[in-house]
């Protein structure tokens, strides 16, 4: 059998269809989750897993890039379970002594210590390596667990019942999904960043961004989690992009993305690497999605409106909080196309504007000082026709925080952000 060789795809192929006709109803394609703080940026770019040791690349029939994209689009796998490994290297600097991402963000920036709020857990995944256990049985039964040495954090959905539990602090968060969450809104029942922390969802978003702006090729084969896979490589053409390439390992049998890797244009090791270490496509046991809080656990019930979680809850009672800057009320405007898309968010004017760091947090004070230290550690100040602000830089994502409260963010160069800010004045 002939060994698969790199096969270029046709430029302008419609990879946005990779979500598939049936997939579009279950998973809302998020163009860009814009942050109001660095934690939001990191959460929006979170990834999973380092490459697995392999016993050699498998021999598979040749396939064109177009046919492989069609295979991903046609995949309708709704039942799976397994383990994934989260490794993220965005090049975040060490924080000043005594400063944490959550603390610098102040009230509403995430959960505090001893809180099962999912938003707070997203900041922990901003760097380093983490192990997740995942399971799904259709859109109504889902489970994601972050496994640590001495504790485990889980978000579980079983029908309308949604639980988050932190074993380290023995605290739980309970919500009842609203009945109107059926259909197109089901994807919101797990918070962004956790619900999307899978090779499948990350691959869909990358393919959606690739339309007409990307060279696509099949680049050999691989063995991932014991399964044969084709390697699909996406190379952005747009000079503004900071992404060098995206590689997706696609299951040769069912078309499910098993591994997702983003390499910065500047080179070096992957900034985001997503891979299953174990996977099964059998239906998980029903007990996987059942949860009863342990004896003595402190349980917080979801409440109506913006009190349910860390910020605005546009769907009412019972909605688990999303990552900062990803809720519908703070949905950003976007400019540019494909990989050069830039999100713009109005974070507010005055002394509490994120660009200055002054006054951030309740009545300024310690939270404001923490935010200023945090911003100083991430980037330098800039000026232009838009006014003044500062650039927050990572290996993959750059963010411009202006002193009048505007936020421009994207996997684009600093120059592209400055140009976008000047164009909006």
Protein backbone atom coordinates (compact mmCIF):
# COMPACT_ATOMS: atom_id res chain seq x y z
CA UNK A 1 0.00 0.00 0.00
CA UNK A 2 1.40 3.37 -0.99
CA UNK A 3 2.54 5.63 1.81
CA UNK A 4 0.64 8.86 2.08
CA UNK A 5 2.60 11.87 0.79
CA UNK A 6 1.93 15.60 1.26
CA UNK A 7 -0.88 16.64 -1.04
CA UNK A 8 -1.62 20.33 -1.54
CA UNK A 9 -5.21 21.45 -1.26
CA UNK A 10 -6.90 23.87 -3.65
CA UNK A 11 -6.59 27.48 -2.56
CA UNK A 12 -9.90 29.00 -1.63
CA UNK A 13 -11.44 25.67 -0.65
CA UNK A 14 -14.39 26.18 1.67
CA UNK A 15 -13.09 24.74 4.98
CA UNK A 16 -15.70 26.67 6.90
CA UNK A 17 -18.03 23.81 6.08
CA UNK A 18 -15.91 21.63 8.34
CA UNK A 19 -18.50 22.14 11.02
CA UNK A 20 -20.90 20.13 8.89
CA UNK A 21 -24.66 20.63 8.41
CA UNK A 22 -25.53 18.73 11.57
CA UNK A 23 -22.60 20.07 13.61
CA UNK A 24 -23.68 23.68 13.08
CA UNK A 25 -26.83 23.06 15.06
CA UNK A 26 -24.93 21.72 18.04
CA UNK A 27 -21.84 23.88 18.22
CA UNK A 28 -21.79 27.64 17.76
CA UNK A 29 -18.65 28.74 15.87
CA UNK A 30 -17.04 31.40 18.01
CA UNK A 31 -15.05 33.77 15.75
CA UNK A 32 -12.96 35.15 18.56
CA UNK A 33 -13.19 35.19 22.34
CA UNK A 34 -11.83 38.65 23.18
CA UNK A 35 -10.36 39.35 26.61
CA UNK A 36 -10.73 42.30 28.89
CA UNK A 37 -7.62 41.01 30.66
CA UNK A 38 -4.72 38.74 29.88
CA UNK A 39 -6.48 35.80 31.55
CA UNK A 40 -9.19 36.08 28.92
CA UNK A 41 -6.62 36.05 26.12
CA UNK A 42 -4.97 32.95 27.54
CA UNK A 43 -8.29 31.21 28.02
CA UNK A 44 -9.31 31.99 24.44
CA UNK A 45 -6.14 30.36 23.16
CA UNK A 46 -6.03 27.45 25.49
CA UNK A 47 -4.80 24.10 24.12
CA UNK A 48 -4.30 20.52 25.08
CA UNK A 49 -1.55 17.97 25.13
CA UNK A 50 1.93 17.15 23.91
CA UNK A 51 2.62 14.69 21.13
CA UNK A 52 2.46 11.03 22.03
CA UNK A 53 5.25 8.55 21.60
CA UNK A 54 4.55 6.60 18.43
CA UNK A 55 5.61 3.26 17.04
CA UNK A 56 6.07 4.68 13.54
CA UNK A 57 3.80 6.50 11.11
CA UNK A 58 1.08 4.21 9.71
CA UNK A 59 0.70 3.33 6.02
CA UNK A 60 -2.60 4.75 4.84
CA UNK A 61 -4.23 5.21 1.43
CA UNK A 62 -3.44 8.53 -0.23
CA UNK A 63 -6.01 11.27 0.25
CA UNK A 64 -6.21 14.84 -1.05
CA UNK A 65 -6.51 17.82 1.26
CA UNK A 66 -9.97 18.55 -0.15
CA UNK A 67 -11.16 15.01 0.54
CA UNK A 68 -9.72 15.09 4.06
CA UNK A 69 -11.52 18.36 4.78
CA UNK A 70 -14.71 16.76 3.53
CA UNK A 71 -14.09 13.80 5.83
CA UNK A 72 -13.82 16.12 8.84
CA UNK A 73 -16.98 17.97 7.78
CA UNK A 74 -18.92 14.71 7.42
CA UNK A 75 -17.84 13.37 10.81
CA UNK A 76 -20.81 13.14 13.18
CA UNK A 77 -19.28 11.47 16.24
CA UNK A 78 -21.23 12.48 19.36
CA UNK A 79 -20.11 9.81 21.81
CA UNK A 80 -16.57 9.55 23.12
CA UNK A 81 -14.47 9.46 26.26
CA UNK A 82 -10.79 9.73 26.98
CA UNK A 83 -7.89 11.72 28.36
CA UNK A 84 -6.21 14.77 26.91
CA UNK A 85 -3.04 16.55 27.88
CA UNK A 86 -2.98 20.36 28.02
CA UNK A 87 0.30 22.07 27.22
CA UNK A 88 0.29 25.81 26.54
CA UNK A 89 3.41 27.90 25.97
CA UNK A 90 2.29 31.43 25.11
CA UNK A 91 5.49 32.95 26.46
CA UNK A 92 3.79 34.62 29.39
CA UNK A 93 6.29 36.38 31.68
CA UNK A 94 6.58 35.54 35.35
CA UNK A 95 4.14 37.59 37.39
CA UNK A 96 5.36 40.04 40.02
CA UNK A 97 5.60 38.59 43.52
CA UNK A 98 2.20 38.28 45.13
CA UNK A 99 0.26 38.93 41.91
CA UNK A 100 -2.05 36.42 40.26
CA UNK A 101 -4.13 36.70 37.12
CA UNK A 102 -7.34 36.32 39.05
CA UNK A 103 -6.34 38.74 41.78
CA UNK A 104 -5.19 41.42 39.38
CA UNK A 105 -8.49 41.30 37.56
CA UNK A 106 -10.42 42.23 40.64
CA UNK A 107 -14.02 41.41 41.31
CA UNK A 108 -15.59 39.49 38.49
CA UNK A 109 -12.31 38.49 37.00
CA UNK A 110 -12.65 34.89 38.02
CA UNK A 111 -13.24 32.70 40.95
CA UNK A 112 -11.36 33.16 44.12
CA UNK A 113 -9.79 30.53 46.30
CA UNK A 114 -12.35 28.02 47.51
CA UNK A 115 -14.80 28.81 44.71
CA UNK A 116 -16.03 26.25 42.14
CA UNK A 117 -16.78 28.99 39.59
CA UNK A 118 -15.49 27.64 36.22
CA UNK A 119 -14.17 31.05 35.12
CA UNK A 120 -11.43 30.94 37.73
CA UNK A 121 -10.16 27.57 36.51
CA UNK A 122 -9.52 28.90 33.02
CA UNK A 123 -6.65 31.06 34.26
CA UNK A 124 -4.90 27.95 35.58
CA UNK A 125 -4.79 26.53 32.05
CA UNK A 126 -3.02 29.59 30.64
CA UNK A 127 0.41 27.99 30.88
CA UNK A 128 2.14 24.72 31.60
CA UNK A 129 0.80 21.19 31.20
CA UNK A 130 -2.46 19.79 32.51
CA UNK A 131 -4.38 16.54 32.21
CA UNK A 132 -8.08 16.54 31.35
CA UNK A 133 -10.60 13.72 31.28
CA UNK A 134 -13.44 14.26 28.84
CA UNK A 135 -16.65 12.44 27.95
CA UNK A 136 -19.73 13.14 25.87
CA UNK A 137 -22.94 11.36 24.92
CA UNK A 138 -24.59 13.88 22.63
CA UNK A 139 -25.15 17.57 23.42
CA UNK A 140 -27.05 16.89 26.67
CA UNK A 141 -24.47 14.78 28.48
CA UNK A 142 -20.95 16.16 28.87
CA UNK A 143 -18.14 16.01 31.39
CA UNK A 144 -14.75 17.76 31.57
CA UNK A 145 -12.40 17.18 34.51
CA UNK A 146 -9.08 18.88 35.22
CA UNK A 147 -6.95 16.31 37.02
CA UNK A 148 -4.28 17.56 39.41
CA UNK A 149 -1.96 15.69 41.76
CA UNK A 150 -3.97 16.31 44.90
CA UNK A 151 -7.35 17.40 43.55
CA UNK A 152 -9.76 17.28 40.65
CA UNK A 153 -12.06 19.90 39.19
CA UNK A 154 -15.08 18.81 37.11
CA UNK A 155 -17.89 20.38 35.12
CA UNK A 156 -20.72 17.93 34.46
CA UNK A 157 -23.92 18.28 32.48
CA UNK A 158 -26.70 15.66 32.61
CA UNK A 159 -29.76 16.95 30.80
CA UNK A 160 -30.76 20.22 32.46
CA UNK A 161 -28.62 19.63 35.56
CA UNK A 162 -25.20 21.30 35.46
CA UNK A 163 -22.60 20.94 38.23
CA UNK A 164 -19.08 22.24 38.81
CA UNK A 165 -17.07 20.73 41.66
CA UNK A 166 -13.63 21.44 43.12
CA UNK A 167 -12.45 18.53 45.28
CA UNK A 168 -9.55 20.58 46.67
CA UNK A 169 -11.87 23.05 48.41
CA UNK A 170 -14.91 20.72 48.55
CA UNK A 171 -17.06 23.39 46.90
CA UNK A 172 -19.68 22.96 44.20
CA UNK A 173 -21.66 25.18 41.83
CA UNK A 174 -25.10 23.98 40.67
CA UNK A 175 -27.25 25.33 37.86
CA UNK A 176 -30.36 24.23 36.02
CA UNK A 177 -30.08 24.74 32.29
CA UNK A 178 -33.09 26.73 31.00
CA UNK A 179 -35.51 24.85 28.81
CA UNK A 180 -34.94 27.28 25.97
CA UNK A 181 -31.31 26.09 25.87
CA UNK A 182 -32.39 23.26 23.56
CA UNK A 183 -31.03 23.13 20.04
CA UNK A 184 -28.76 25.92 18.95
CA UNK A 185 -27.99 27.13 22.49
CA UNK A 186 -26.87 23.83 23.94
CA UNK A 187 -23.22 24.59 23.42
CA UNK A 188 -23.38 27.29 26.11
CA UNK A 189 -24.13 24.83 28.91
CA UNK A 190 -20.43 24.29 29.60
CA UNK A 191 -18.33 27.46 29.91
CA UNK A 192 -16.21 28.56 26.97
CA UNK A 193 -12.63 27.42 27.33
CA UNK A 194 -13.66 24.17 28.99
CA UNK A 195 -16.37 23.12 26.54
CA UNK A 196 -14.06 24.05 23.67
CA UNK A 197 -10.93 22.40 25.10
CA UNK A 198 -10.88 19.51 22.67
CA UNK A 199 -9.08 18.84 19.41
CA UNK A 200 -12.46 18.65 17.62
CA UNK A 201 -13.67 22.13 18.58
CA UNK A 202 -10.30 23.81 18.07
CA UNK A 203 -9.98 22.22 14.64
CA UNK A 204 -13.43 23.46 13.60
CA UNK A 205 -12.52 27.03 14.51
CA UNK A 206 -9.19 26.86 12.69
CA UNK A 207 -10.82 25.47 9.56
CA UNK A 208 -13.50 28.15 9.69
CA UNK A 209 -10.78 30.83 9.71
CA UNK A 210 -8.95 29.31 6.75
CA UNK A 211 -11.30 30.22 3.90
CA UNK A 212 -9.34 31.67 1.01
CA UNK A 213 -6.42 32.75 3.23
CA UNK A 214 -4.58 29.48 3.76
CA UNK A 215 -2.43 26.88 2.04
CA UNK A 216 -3.83 23.46 2.96
CA UNK A 217 -1.94 20.19 2.57
CA UNK A 218 -1.99 16.60 3.76
CA UNK A 219 1.42 16.19 5.39
CA UNK A 220 1.88 12.50 6.02
CA UNK A 221 0.41 10.30 8.71
CA UNK A 222 0.66 9.84 12.48
CA UNK A 223 -0.36 7.59 15.33
CA UNK A 224 -2.35 9.42 18.03
CA UNK A 225 -3.81 7.69 21.09
CA UNK A 226 -3.25 4.37 19.36
CA UNK A 227 -5.28 5.37 16.28
CA UNK A 228 -4.16 5.92 12.69
CA UNK A 229 -4.45 9.50 11.53
CA UNK A 230 -3.70 11.79 8.61
CA UNK A 231 -1.82 15.05 9.27
CA UNK A 232 -3.52 18.11 7.83
CA UNK A 233 -1.38 21.28 7.74
CA UNK A 234 -2.80 24.80 7.46
CA UNK A 235 -0.34 27.59 6.62
CA UNK A 236 -1.73 31.15 6.84
CA UNK A 237 -0.87 33.40 3.88
CA UNK A 238 -1.65 36.70 5.58
CA UNK A 239 1.49 38.56 6.64
CA UNK A 240 -0.26 40.09 9.66
CA UNK A 241 -0.78 36.68 11.28
CA UNK A 242 1.53 35.52 14.06
CA UNK A 243 0.62 31.89 13.35
CA UNK A 244 3.20 29.93 11.37
CA UNK A 245 1.14 26.78 10.93
CA UNK A 246 -1.69 24.70 12.36
CA UNK A 247 -1.43 20.92 12.22
CA UNK A 248 -4.46 18.72 12.77
CA UNK A 249 -4.26 14.94 13.12
CA UNK A 250 -7.49 13.53 11.67
CA UNK A 251 -8.69 10.04 12.58
CA UNK A 252 -8.39 7.98 9.41
CA UNK A 253 -11.53 6.00 10.20
CA UNK A 254 -14.11 8.49 11.46
CA UNK A 255 -12.68 11.92 10.60
CA UNK A 256 -12.49 13.15 14.20
CA UNK A 257 -9.58 15.54 14.92
CA UNK A 258 -7.35 13.80 17.48
CA UNK A 259 -4.57 16.35 17.79
CA UNK A 260 -4.31 20.11 17.24
CA UNK A 261 -1.02 22.01 17.23
CA UNK A 262 -0.33 25.71 16.65
CA UNK A 263 3.24 26.85 15.95
CA UNK A 264 4.05 30.59 16.01
CA UNK A 265 5.53 32.26 12.96
CA UNK A 266 8.57 33.11 15.08
CA UNK A 267 9.37 29.40 15.34
CA UNK A 268 10.27 27.34 18.38
CA UNK A 269 8.08 24.79 20.10
CA UNK A 270 4.31 24.77 19.78
CA UNK A 271 2.39 27.51 21.55
CA UNK A 272 -0.78 25.42 21.67
CA UNK A 273 -0.75 21.65 21.42
CA UNK A 274 -3.91 19.57 21.70
CA UNK A 275 -3.97 15.77 21.72
CA UNK A 276 -5.91 12.83 23.03
CA UNK A 277 -3.70 10.47 25.01
CA UNK A 278 -6.50 7.92 25.29
CA UNK A 279 -9.79 7.87 23.39
CA UNK A 280 -12.77 5.58 22.93
CA UNK A 281 -15.75 6.20 20.66
CA UNK A 282 -18.01 3.83 22.57
CA UNK A 283 -20.94 5.30 24.50
CA UNK A 284 -19.79 6.29 28.01
CA UNK A 285 -21.57 4.81 31.00
CA UNK A 286 -24.57 6.83 32.19
CA UNK A 287 -22.92 7.10 35.63
CA UNK A 288 -20.18 9.24 34.04
CA UNK A 289 -22.63 12.14 33.88
CA UNK A 290 -24.27 11.75 37.29
CA UNK A 291 -23.06 13.88 40.18
CA UNK A 292 -23.99 14.22 43.84
CA UNK A 293 -21.99 16.67 45.96
CA UNK A 294 -20.01 14.94 48.71
CA UNK A 295 -21.05 15.29 52.33
CA UNK A 296 -20.03 18.64 53.75
CA UNK A 297 -19.50 20.31 50.38
CA UNK A 298 -20.41 23.99 50.16
CA UNK A 299 -22.88 24.36 47.29
CA UNK A 300 -23.58 27.63 45.48
CA UNK A 301 -26.81 27.75 43.48
CA UNK A 302 -27.05 29.62 40.19
CA UNK A 303 -29.08 32.82 40.43
CA UNK A 304 -31.05 35.05 38.09
CA UNK A 305 -29.37 37.58 35.78
CA UNK A 306 -25.86 38.89 36.19
CA UNK A 307 -25.63 37.53 39.74
CA UNK A 308 -25.30 34.01 38.30
CA UNK A 309 -21.53 33.78 38.11
CA UNK A 310 -18.95 36.43 37.50
CA UNK A 311 -20.75 38.64 35.03
CA UNK A 312 -23.76 39.19 32.81
CA UNK A 313 -25.87 36.09 32.32
CA UNK A 314 -27.92 36.84 29.22
CA UNK A 315 -29.76 33.53 29.33
CA UNK A 316 -31.12 33.85 32.86
CA UNK A 317 -31.20 31.45 35.76
CA UNK A 318 -28.90 28.49 35.82
CA UNK A 319 -26.26 29.43 33.30
CA UNK A 320 -22.72 28.58 34.30
CA UNK A 321 -20.39 31.56 33.92
CA UNK A 322 -18.16 31.81 30.85
CA UNK A 323 -14.61 33.03 30.62
CA UNK A 324 -14.07 36.77 31.00
CA UNK A 325 -15.02 38.61 27.84
CA UNK A 326 -16.81 35.64 26.21
CA UNK A 327 -20.39 36.27 27.33
CA UNK A 328 -22.91 37.63 24.82
CA UNK A 329 -23.10 41.06 26.46
CA UNK A 330 -19.38 41.65 25.85
CA UNK A 331 -19.26 40.09 22.37
CA UNK A 332 -16.65 42.01 20.38
CA UNK A 333 -16.78 43.69 17.02
CA UNK A 334 -14.28 42.30 14.55
CA UNK A 335 -12.24 43.69 11.68
CA UNK A 336 -10.11 41.90 9.14
CA UNK A 337 -10.62 38.41 7.75
CA UNK A 338 -9.32 34.91 8.32
CA UNK A 339 -6.15 34.70 10.36
CA UNK A 340 -5.85 38.51 10.40
CA UNK A 341 -9.12 38.99 12.29
CA UNK A 342 -8.88 41.54 15.11
CA UNK A 343 -11.47 41.76 17.86
CA UNK A 344 -12.40 45.09 19.42
CA UNK A 345 -13.99 45.46 22.83
CA UNK A 346 -14.95 48.53 24.81
CA UNK A 347 -13.68 47.86 28.35
CA UNK A 348 -14.76 51.26 29.70
CA UNK A 349 -13.24 54.70 30.07
CA UNK A 350 -11.79 56.55 33.02
CA UNK A 351 -9.14 55.68 35.59
CA UNK A 352 -10.18 52.03 35.59
CA UNK A 353 -9.40 51.52 31.92
CA UNK A 354 -7.28 48.42 31.40
CA UNK A 355 -4.59 50.30 29.48
CA UNK A 356 -3.66 52.36 32.50
CA UNK A 357 -4.26 49.77 35.19
CA UNK A 358 -5.22 52.57 37.55
CA UNK A 359 -8.26 52.11 39.65
CA UNK A 360 -8.93 48.58 38.47
CA UNK A 361 -10.78 46.57 41.06
CA UNK A 362 -13.13 47.70 43.81
CA UNK A 363 -12.38 51.38 44.48
CA UNK A 364 -8.91 50.98 43.04
CA UNK A 365 -6.67 50.11 45.98
CA UNK A 366 -4.77 46.84 46.04
CA UNK A 367 -6.56 45.41 43.02
CA UNK A 368 -5.63 48.46 40.95
CA UNK A 369 -1.97 48.20 41.99
CA UNK A 370 -1.97 44.49 41.18
CA UNK A 371 -3.43 45.17 37.74
CA UNK A 372 -0.82 47.83 37.05
CA UNK A 373 2.00 45.46 38.07
CA UNK A 374 0.50 42.77 35.86
CA UNK A 375 0.27 45.05 32.83
CA UNK A 376 3.82 46.31 33.37
CA UNK A 377 5.07 42.71 33.32
CA UNK A 378 3.38 41.93 30.01
CA UNK A 379 4.16 44.83 27.70
CA UNK A 380 5.29 48.37 27.02
CA UNK A 381 3.44 51.63 26.50
CA UNK A 382 2.63 52.90 23.00
CA UNK A 383 1.24 56.10 21.48
CA UNK A 384 -0.38 56.99 18.19
CA UNK A 385 -3.23 58.93 16.62
CA UNK A 386 -5.56 56.78 18.74
CA UNK A 387 -4.00 58.21 21.92
CA UNK A 388 -1.95 56.10 24.29
CA UNK A 389 -2.05 52.64 25.81
CA UNK A 390 0.08 49.55 26.03
CA UNK A 391 0.76 46.40 24.07
CA UNK A 392 0.45 43.06 25.84
CA UNK A 393 2.44 40.44 23.93
CA UNK A 394 2.66 36.66 23.94
CA UNK A 395 4.19 34.26 21.42
CA UNK A 396 0.82 33.92 19.69
CA UNK A 397 -1.61 36.64 20.72
CA UNK A 398 -1.07 40.39 20.95
CA UNK A 399 -3.41 42.81 22.69
CA UNK A 400 -3.57 46.60 22.57
CA UNK A 401 -5.16 48.15 25.68
CA UNK A 402 -5.80 51.87 25.15
CA UNK A 403 -6.06 54.32 28.02
CA UNK A 404 -9.59 55.25 26.96
CA UNK A 405 -10.81 51.69 27.44
CA UNK A 406 -10.58 50.09 24.00
CA UNK A 407 -9.18 46.58 23.62
CA UNK A 408 -7.85 45.25 20.30
CA UNK A 409 -6.80 41.60 20.28
CA UNK A 410 -5.78 38.95 17.80
CA UNK A 411 -3.17 36.46 16.67
CA UNK A 412 -1.68 39.30 14.65
CA UNK A 413 1.38 41.53 14.78
CA UNK A 414 1.64 44.58 17.01
CA UNK A 415 1.70 46.78 13.91
CA UNK A 416 -1.63 45.34 12.77
CA UNK A 417 -3.21 46.22 16.13
CA UNK A 418 -1.91 49.79 16.02
CA UNK A 419 -3.20 50.19 12.47
CA UNK A 420 -6.63 48.89 13.51
CA UNK A 421 -6.79 51.29 16.47
CA UNK A 422 -5.82 54.26 14.30
CA UNK A 423 -8.40 53.33 11.66
CA UNK A 424 -11.18 53.52 14.24
CA UNK A 425 -10.43 57.10 15.33
